[in-house]
Protein backbone atom coordinates (compact mmCIF):
# COMPACT_ATOMS: atom_id res chain seq x y z
CA MET A 1 -61.92 -3.64 -22.47
CA GLU A 2 -58.80 -5.71 -23.12
CA THR A 3 -56.37 -5.60 -26.02
CA LEU A 4 -55.54 -8.79 -27.90
CA ILE A 5 -52.33 -9.24 -29.84
CA ALA A 6 -52.28 -12.05 -32.42
CA HIS A 7 -49.18 -13.47 -34.08
CA PRO A 8 -50.27 -15.18 -37.32
CA LYS A 9 -47.67 -17.58 -38.69
CA ASN A 10 -48.38 -16.83 -42.35
CA GLU A 11 -50.32 -14.57 -44.69
CA GLU A 12 -53.27 -16.98 -44.84
CA GLN A 13 -53.79 -16.76 -41.08
CA ALA A 14 -53.44 -12.96 -41.14
CA THR A 15 -56.04 -12.67 -43.89
CA ALA A 16 -58.45 -14.96 -42.02
CA LEU A 17 -58.07 -12.98 -38.78
CA LYS A 18 -58.71 -9.70 -40.58
CA ALA A 19 -61.81 -11.14 -42.26
CA VAL A 20 -63.25 -12.38 -38.95
CA MET A 21 -62.61 -9.06 -37.24
CA LYS A 22 -64.26 -7.16 -40.10
CA VAL A 23 -67.35 -9.38 -39.96
CA LEU A 24 -67.59 -8.89 -36.18
CA LYS A 25 -67.02 -5.14 -36.64
CA ILE A 26 -63.95 -5.17 -34.37
CA ASP A 27 -61.58 -2.27 -34.88
CA PHE A 28 -58.01 -3.38 -35.51
CA GLU A 29 -54.67 -1.97 -36.53
CA THR A 30 -51.91 -3.56 -38.56
CA GLU A 31 -48.24 -2.89 -38.06
CA GLU A 32 -45.36 -3.95 -40.23
CA SER A 33 -42.21 -5.30 -38.61
CA PRO A 34 -39.49 -2.65 -38.33
CA TYR A 35 -36.89 -5.30 -39.17
CA ASN A 36 -35.58 -6.16 -42.61
CA PRO A 37 -37.07 -9.58 -43.59
CA GLU A 38 -33.67 -10.78 -44.84
CA PHE A 39 -32.10 -9.97 -41.47
CA VAL A 40 -34.88 -11.81 -39.62
CA ALA A 41 -34.39 -14.85 -41.88
CA LYS A 42 -30.63 -14.89 -41.10
CA ILE A 43 -31.29 -14.77 -37.36
CA LYS A 44 -33.83 -17.60 -37.58
CA ARG A 45 -31.41 -19.67 -39.67
CA GLY A 46 -28.73 -19.15 -37.04
CA GLN A 47 -31.08 -20.19 -34.24
CA GLU A 48 -31.97 -23.37 -36.14
CA GLN A 49 -28.29 -24.15 -36.65
CA ILE A 50 -27.62 -23.77 -32.92
CA LYS A 51 -30.53 -26.12 -32.12
CA ALA A 52 -29.04 -28.63 -34.59
CA GLY A 53 -25.72 -28.51 -32.70
CA LYS A 54 -23.80 -26.61 -35.39
CA GLY A 55 -22.72 -23.77 -33.08
CA ILE A 56 -19.44 -23.27 -31.25
CA LYS A 57 -19.32 -22.45 -27.52
CA ILE A 58 -16.60 -20.14 -26.31
CA ALA A 59 -15.91 -19.72 -22.60
CA ILE A 60 -16.17 -16.15 -21.35
CA GLU A 61 -12.56 -16.31 -20.16
CA ASP A 62 -11.43 -17.08 -23.73
CA LEU A 63 -13.29 -14.27 -25.49
CA TRP A 64 -10.30 -11.93 -25.67
CA LYS A 65 -7.59 -14.49 -26.38
């Protein structure tokens, strides 16, 4: 049998997936993220800022100057 890994985007999706699996009598496990939610939010904010062009590029040669 195969293993499926789902990545719900919010609590509503997670709840719906759990309900469907319970009705179908599918065994499942839940696992909390090992990362601090505040840290994850900071990283995501930084990624969004880079996509918006708010980052600064530094050439490798200039890293230690």
